[in-house]
Amino acid sequence: MKKLLPILFTCLSLGFATPTVLASERAEQGWQLIEQGAMIVDVRTTQEFADDHLDNAVNFPLSELDKHFANVDKDAQIVLYCRSGNRSGQAYQYLQSQGFTNLHNAGGLVEMLQAK
């Protein structure tokens, strides 16, 4: 049992640390793309957007993507974010299925603000 505890502790530590590291990387990459002129799209609700959002972001709620992206160039560089990265991940998959080629899921708003 004594030999298993350090292994278990290491596994648990790695399990909790890995998502944070990945999250920071996706947010940092999002900022790099934004600095290069990418379109910033917040896919949260209009109320969430009104409460707080990134400068220069447009609010295209997940439930209305088809309407908002109808006239967007499918080759445009687009950075997506939401509250946690879940809805922006769904938006990423949907837009990719619609032929958009330069997408990046930057995760959540707080994550993006912390990476700035």
N, C-alpha and C. Protein backbone atom coordinates (compact mmCIF):
# COMPACT_ATOMS: atom_id res chain seq x y z
N MET A 1 0.81 -1.19 0.00
CA MET A 1 0.00 0.00 0.00
C MET A 1 0.86 1.27 0.00
N LYS A 2 1.97 1.23 0.78
CA LYS A 2 2.85 2.40 0.83
C LYS A 2 3.42 2.73 -0.54
N LYS A 3 3.67 1.70 -1.35
CA LYS A 3 4.23 1.92 -2.68
C LYS A 3 3.19 2.48 -3.64
N LEU A 4 1.92 2.20 -3.40
CA LEU A 4 0.87 2.67 -4.28
C LEU A 4 0.51 4.14 -4.04
N LEU A 5 0.66 4.62 -2.84
CA LEU A 5 0.28 6.00 -2.54
C LEU A 5 1.03 7.03 -3.37
N PRO A 6 2.36 6.95 -3.52
CA PRO A 6 3.04 7.94 -4.37
C PRO A 6 2.58 7.87 -5.83
N ILE A 7 2.32 6.68 -6.31
CA ILE A 7 1.85 6.53 -7.70
C ILE A 7 0.46 7.14 -7.85
N LEU A 8 -0.43 6.84 -6.90
CA LEU A 8 -1.77 7.39 -6.93
C LEU A 8 -1.73 8.92 -6.85
N PHE A 9 -0.90 9.46 -5.96
CA PHE A 9 -0.77 10.90 -5.82
C PHE A 9 -0.28 11.53 -7.12
N THR A 10 0.70 10.92 -7.76
CA THR A 10 1.24 11.42 -9.02
C THR A 10 0.17 11.41 -10.10
N CYS A 11 -0.59 10.33 -10.20
CA CYS A 11 -1.64 10.23 -11.21
C CYS A 11 -2.71 11.30 -10.98
N LEU A 12 -3.13 11.47 -9.74
CA LEU A 12 -4.13 12.48 -9.44
C LEU A 12 -3.61 13.88 -9.72
N SER A 13 -2.37 14.14 -9.36
CA SER A 13 -1.78 15.46 -9.61
C SER A 13 -1.72 15.76 -11.09
N LEU A 14 -1.30 14.81 -11.87
CA LEU A 14 -1.22 15.01 -13.31
C LEU A 14 -2.61 15.19 -13.91
N GLY A 15 -3.55 14.43 -13.42
CA GLY A 15 -4.92 14.53 -13.93
C GLY A 15 -5.53 15.90 -13.70
N PHE A 16 -5.25 16.49 -12.55
CA PHE A 16 -5.80 17.81 -12.27
C PHE A 16 -5.01 18.92 -12.95
N ALA A 17 -3.73 18.71 -13.16
CA ALA A 17 -2.89 19.77 -13.73
C ALA A 17 -3.03 19.87 -15.24
N THR A 18 -3.22 18.79 -15.91
CA THR A 18 -3.22 18.77 -17.37
C THR A 18 -4.26 19.69 -18.01
N PRO A 19 -5.55 19.67 -17.59
CA PRO A 19 -6.51 20.55 -18.23
C PRO A 19 -6.16 22.03 -18.09
N THR A 20 -5.60 22.44 -16.97
CA THR A 20 -5.22 23.82 -16.78
C THR A 20 -4.12 24.22 -17.75
N VAL A 21 -3.14 23.37 -17.92
CA VAL A 21 -2.06 23.65 -18.85
C VAL A 21 -2.60 23.78 -20.27
N LEU A 22 -3.44 22.84 -20.68
CA LEU A 22 -4.01 22.89 -22.01
C LEU A 22 -4.88 24.12 -22.20
N ALA A 23 -5.65 24.45 -21.17
CA ALA A 23 -6.52 25.61 -21.25
C ALA A 23 -5.70 26.88 -21.46
N SER A 24 -4.60 27.04 -20.74
CA SER A 24 -3.77 28.21 -20.89
C SER A 24 -3.19 28.29 -22.30
N GLU A 25 -2.79 27.16 -22.83
CA GLU A 25 -2.22 27.15 -24.17
C GLU A 25 -3.24 27.57 -25.21
N ARG A 26 -4.49 27.09 -25.07
CA ARG A 26 -5.50 27.46 -26.07
C ARG A 26 -5.85 28.94 -25.96
N ALA A 27 -5.86 29.48 -24.75
CA ALA A 27 -6.15 30.91 -24.58
C ALA A 27 -5.00 31.75 -25.13
N GLU A 28 -3.78 31.34 -24.83
CA GLU A 28 -2.61 32.08 -25.34
C GLU A 28 -2.58 32.07 -26.86
N GLN A 29 -2.87 30.92 -27.45
CA GLN A 29 -2.91 30.84 -28.91
C GLN A 29 -4.03 31.73 -29.45
N GLY A 30 -5.15 31.78 -28.74
CA GLY A 30 -6.24 32.66 -29.14
C GLY A 30 -5.81 34.11 -29.19
N TRP A 31 -5.07 34.55 -28.17
CA TRP A 31 -4.57 35.93 -28.15
C TRP A 31 -3.60 36.19 -29.30
N GLN A 32 -2.77 35.22 -29.61
CA GLN A 32 -1.84 35.39 -30.74
C GLN A 32 -2.61 35.60 -32.04
N LEU A 33 -3.66 34.82 -32.24
CA LEU A 33 -4.47 34.95 -33.45
C LEU A 33 -5.22 36.28 -33.47
N ILE A 34 -5.70 36.71 -32.31
CA ILE A 34 -6.38 38.00 -32.22
C ILE A 34 -5.42 39.13 -32.58
N GLU A 35 -4.20 39.05 -32.08
CA GLU A 35 -3.19 40.07 -32.41
C GLU A 35 -2.89 40.09 -33.91
N GLN A 36 -3.10 38.98 -34.58
CA GLN A 36 -2.88 38.90 -36.03
C GLN A 36 -4.12 39.31 -36.82
N GLY A 37 -5.18 39.72 -36.11
CA GLY A 37 -6.37 40.23 -36.78
C GLY A 37 -7.55 39.29 -36.85
N ALA A 38 -7.54 38.21 -36.11
CA ALA A 38 -8.66 37.26 -36.15
C ALA A 38 -9.95 37.91 -35.65
N MET A 39 -11.05 37.45 -36.19
CA MET A 39 -12.37 37.84 -35.72
C MET A 39 -12.62 37.15 -34.37
N ILE A 40 -13.11 37.89 -33.38
CA ILE A 40 -13.35 37.35 -32.04
C ILE A 40 -14.85 37.14 -31.88
N VAL A 41 -15.25 35.90 -31.65
CA VAL A 41 -16.68 35.57 -31.55
C VAL A 41 -16.98 34.96 -30.18
N ASP A 42 -17.87 35.63 -29.46
CA ASP A 42 -18.37 35.17 -28.16
C ASP A 42 -19.68 34.44 -28.45
N VAL A 43 -19.75 33.14 -28.16
CA VAL A 43 -20.94 32.35 -28.49
C VAL A 43 -21.89 32.19 -27.30
N ARG A 44 -21.69 32.98 -26.24
CA ARG A 44 -22.58 32.93 -25.09
C ARG A 44 -23.89 33.67 -25.41
N THR A 45 -24.82 33.64 -24.46
CA THR A 45 -26.09 34.34 -24.65
C THR A 45 -25.87 35.85 -24.67
N THR A 46 -26.87 36.57 -25.15
CA THR A 46 -26.77 38.03 -25.19
C THR A 46 -26.65 38.60 -23.78
N GLN A 47 -27.32 37.99 -22.80
CA GLN A 47 -27.21 38.47 -21.41
C GLN A 47 -25.80 38.27 -20.87
N GLU A 48 -25.21 37.10 -21.11
CA GLU A 48 -23.84 36.85 -20.67
C GLU A 48 -22.88 37.85 -21.32
N PHE A 49 -23.08 38.09 -22.60
CA PHE A 49 -22.24 39.03 -23.34
C PHE A 49 -22.38 40.44 -22.75
N ALA A 50 -23.61 40.84 -22.42
CA ALA A 50 -23.85 42.17 -21.85
C ALA A 50 -23.16 42.33 -20.50
N ASP A 51 -23.06 41.24 -19.75
CA ASP A 51 -22.41 41.29 -18.44
C ASP A 51 -20.91 41.55 -18.54
N ASP A 52 -20.26 40.94 -19.52
CA ASP A 52 -18.82 41.12 -19.73
C ASP A 52 -18.42 40.39 -21.00
N HIS A 53 -17.44 40.91 -21.69
CA HIS A 53 -16.92 40.28 -22.91
C HIS A 53 -15.56 40.88 -23.27
N LEU A 54 -14.88 40.23 -24.17
CA LEU A 54 -13.60 40.73 -24.65
C LEU A 54 -13.82 41.93 -25.56
N ASP A 55 -12.90 42.88 -25.51
CA ASP A 55 -12.95 44.02 -26.42
C ASP A 55 -12.94 43.52 -27.86
N ASN A 56 -13.71 44.17 -28.69
CA ASN A 56 -13.80 43.89 -30.12
C ASN A 56 -14.48 42.56 -30.46
N ALA A 57 -15.04 41.89 -29.46
CA ALA A 57 -15.75 40.64 -29.74
C ALA A 57 -17.14 40.94 -30.27
N VAL A 58 -17.63 40.05 -31.12
CA VAL A 58 -19.02 40.10 -31.57
C VAL A 58 -19.75 38.97 -30.86
N ASN A 59 -21.02 39.18 -30.60
CA ASN A 59 -21.83 38.18 -29.91
C ASN A 59 -22.69 37.44 -30.92
N PHE A 60 -22.31 36.21 -31.20
CA PHE A 60 -23.07 35.32 -32.06
C PHE A 60 -23.45 34.11 -31.20
N PRO A 61 -24.59 34.17 -30.47
CA PRO A 61 -24.96 33.06 -29.60
C PRO A 61 -24.99 31.73 -30.33
N LEU A 62 -24.60 30.68 -29.63
CA LEU A 62 -24.52 29.35 -30.21
C LEU A 62 -25.79 28.96 -30.94
N SER A 63 -26.93 29.30 -30.39
CA SER A 63 -28.21 28.91 -30.99
C SER A 63 -28.53 29.67 -32.27
N GLU A 64 -27.74 30.70 -32.60
CA GLU A 64 -28.00 31.52 -33.78
C GLU A 64 -26.84 31.55 -34.77
N LEU A 65 -25.94 30.59 -34.67
CA LEU A 65 -24.73 30.63 -35.51
C LEU A 65 -25.05 30.67 -37.00
N ASP A 66 -26.00 29.87 -37.44
CA ASP A 66 -26.31 29.81 -38.87
C ASP A 66 -26.70 31.19 -39.40
N LYS A 67 -27.45 31.95 -38.62
CA LYS A 67 -27.87 33.29 -39.03
C LYS A 67 -26.69 34.25 -39.10
N HIS A 68 -25.84 34.24 -38.09
CA HIS A 68 -24.75 35.20 -38.02
C HIS A 68 -23.59 34.89 -38.97
N PHE A 69 -23.36 33.63 -39.25
CA PHE A 69 -22.23 33.27 -40.10
C PHE A 69 -22.59 33.13 -41.58
N ALA A 70 -23.81 33.44 -41.93
CA ALA A 70 -24.25 33.31 -43.32
C ALA A 70 -23.39 34.12 -44.29
N ASN A 71 -22.91 35.28 -43.84
CA ASN A 71 -22.14 36.16 -44.73
C ASN A 71 -20.69 36.32 -44.31
N VAL A 72 -20.19 35.41 -43.50
CA VAL A 72 -18.80 35.47 -43.06
C VAL A 72 -17.95 34.59 -43.99
N ASP A 73 -16.81 35.12 -44.40
CA ASP A 73 -15.88 34.38 -45.27
C ASP A 73 -15.44 33.09 -44.57
N LYS A 74 -15.59 31.97 -45.24
CA LYS A 74 -15.27 30.67 -44.64
C LYS A 74 -13.77 30.47 -44.43
N ASP A 75 -12.95 31.34 -45.00
CA ASP A 75 -11.51 31.26 -44.80
C ASP A 75 -11.00 32.28 -43.77
N ALA A 76 -11.90 33.09 -43.22
CA ALA A 76 -11.49 34.10 -42.23
C ALA A 76 -10.99 33.40 -40.98
N GLN A 77 -9.99 34.00 -40.34
CA GLN A 77 -9.48 33.48 -39.06
C GLN A 77 -10.47 33.88 -37.97
N ILE A 78 -10.98 32.88 -37.24
CA ILE A 78 -12.01 33.12 -36.22
C ILE A 78 -11.59 32.49 -34.90
N VAL A 79 -11.63 33.30 -33.84
CA VAL A 79 -11.36 32.82 -32.49
C VAL A 79 -12.69 32.78 -31.75
N LEU A 80 -13.03 31.62 -31.24
CA LEU A 80 -14.29 31.41 -30.53
C LEU A 80 -14.03 31.30 -29.03
N TYR A 81 -14.93 31.85 -28.23
CA TYR A 81 -14.87 31.63 -26.79
C TYR A 81 -16.27 31.67 -26.22
N CYS A 82 -16.41 31.16 -24.98
CA CYS A 82 -17.70 31.17 -24.29
C CYS A 82 -17.42 31.33 -22.79
N ARG A 83 -18.12 30.57 -21.95
CA ARG A 83 -17.88 30.65 -20.51
C ARG A 83 -16.81 29.66 -20.08
N SER A 84 -16.86 28.44 -20.63
CA SER A 84 -15.94 27.39 -20.19
C SER A 84 -15.15 26.74 -21.31
N GLY A 85 -15.55 26.96 -22.54
CA GLY A 85 -14.93 26.28 -23.67
C GLY A 85 -15.83 25.22 -24.28
N ASN A 86 -16.92 24.88 -23.59
CA ASN A 86 -17.84 23.86 -24.09
C ASN A 86 -18.65 24.36 -25.29
N ARG A 87 -19.34 25.48 -25.13
CA ARG A 87 -20.14 26.00 -26.25
C ARG A 87 -19.26 26.43 -27.41
N SER A 88 -18.09 26.99 -27.12
CA SER A 88 -17.20 27.37 -28.23
C SER A 88 -16.69 26.12 -28.93
N GLY A 89 -16.55 25.01 -28.22
CA GLY A 89 -16.19 23.74 -28.85
C GLY A 89 -17.30 23.24 -29.76
N GLN A 90 -18.54 23.39 -29.32
CA GLN A 90 -19.68 23.01 -30.16
C GLN A 90 -19.75 23.90 -31.40
N ALA A 91 -19.52 25.19 -31.20
CA ALA A 91 -19.52 26.13 -32.32
C ALA A 91 -18.42 25.77 -33.31
N TYR A 92 -17.26 25.42 -32.79
CA TYR A 92 -16.12 25.01 -33.62
C TYR A 92 -16.53 23.84 -34.52
N GLN A 93 -17.11 22.82 -33.91
CA GLN A 93 -17.50 21.63 -34.68
C GLN A 93 -18.57 21.96 -35.72
N TYR A 94 -19.55 22.77 -35.33
CA TYR A 94 -20.61 23.14 -36.27
C TYR A 94 -20.03 23.92 -37.44
N LEU A 95 -19.24 24.95 -37.14
CA LEU A 95 -18.69 25.79 -38.21
C LEU A 95 -17.76 25.00 -39.12
N GLN A 96 -16.99 24.09 -38.53
CA GLN A 96 -16.13 23.24 -39.33
C GLN A 96 -16.97 22.39 -40.30
N SER A 97 -18.08 21.89 -39.82
CA SER A 97 -18.96 21.08 -40.68
C SER A 97 -19.60 21.91 -41.79
N GLN A 98 -19.62 23.24 -41.59
CA GLN A 98 -20.18 24.14 -42.60
C GLN A 98 -19.12 24.67 -43.56
N GLY A 99 -17.88 24.21 -43.42
CA GLY A 99 -16.82 24.58 -44.35
C GLY A 99 -15.87 25.65 -43.88
N PHE A 100 -16.00 26.12 -42.64
CA PHE A 100 -15.06 27.11 -42.13
C PHE A 100 -13.73 26.42 -41.84
N THR A 101 -12.64 27.06 -42.24
CA THR A 101 -11.34 26.39 -42.22
C THR A 101 -10.33 26.92 -41.22
N ASN A 102 -10.51 28.13 -40.71
CA ASN A 102 -9.53 28.76 -39.81
C ASN A 102 -10.16 29.10 -38.47
N LEU A 103 -10.49 28.08 -37.72
CA LEU A 103 -11.17 28.24 -36.44
C LEU A 103 -10.24 27.92 -35.29
N HIS A 104 -10.48 28.59 -34.16
CA HIS A 104 -9.74 28.26 -32.94
C HIS A 104 -10.66 28.41 -31.74
N ASN A 105 -10.76 27.36 -30.91
CA ASN A 105 -11.51 27.41 -29.66
C ASN A 105 -10.54 27.88 -28.58
N ALA A 106 -10.73 29.12 -28.13
CA ALA A 106 -9.83 29.70 -27.13
C ALA A 106 -10.31 29.45 -25.70
N GLY A 107 -11.42 28.74 -25.54
CA GLY A 107 -11.88 28.39 -24.20
C GLY A 107 -12.88 29.36 -23.63
N GLY A 108 -12.73 29.67 -22.34
CA GLY A 108 -13.67 30.52 -21.63
C GLY A 108 -13.18 31.94 -21.45
N LEU A 109 -14.11 32.82 -21.13
CA LEU A 109 -13.80 34.23 -20.95
C LEU A 109 -12.77 34.45 -19.84
N VAL A 110 -12.98 33.85 -18.68
CA VAL A 110 -12.04 34.03 -17.57
C VAL A 110 -10.67 33.49 -17.96
N GLU A 111 -10.66 32.38 -18.62
CA GLU A 111 -9.41 31.77 -19.09
C GLU A 111 -8.68 32.71 -20.04
N MET A 112 -9.43 33.34 -20.94
CA MET A 112 -8.83 34.29 -21.88
C MET A 112 -8.29 35.51 -21.13
N LEU A 113 -9.04 36.02 -20.19
CA LEU A 113 -8.59 37.20 -19.44
C LEU A 113 -7.35 36.89 -18.61
N GLN A 114 -7.27 35.70 -18.06
CA GLN A 114 -6.09 35.31 -17.28
C GLN A 114 -4.86 35.14 -18.16
N ALA A 115 -5.05 34.75 -19.40
CA ALA A 115 -3.93 34.52 -20.30
C ALA A 115 -3.41 35.80 -20.93
N LYS A 116 -4.18 36.87 -20.82
CA LYS A 116 -3.80 38.13 -21.47
C LYS A 116 -2.60 38.76 -20.80
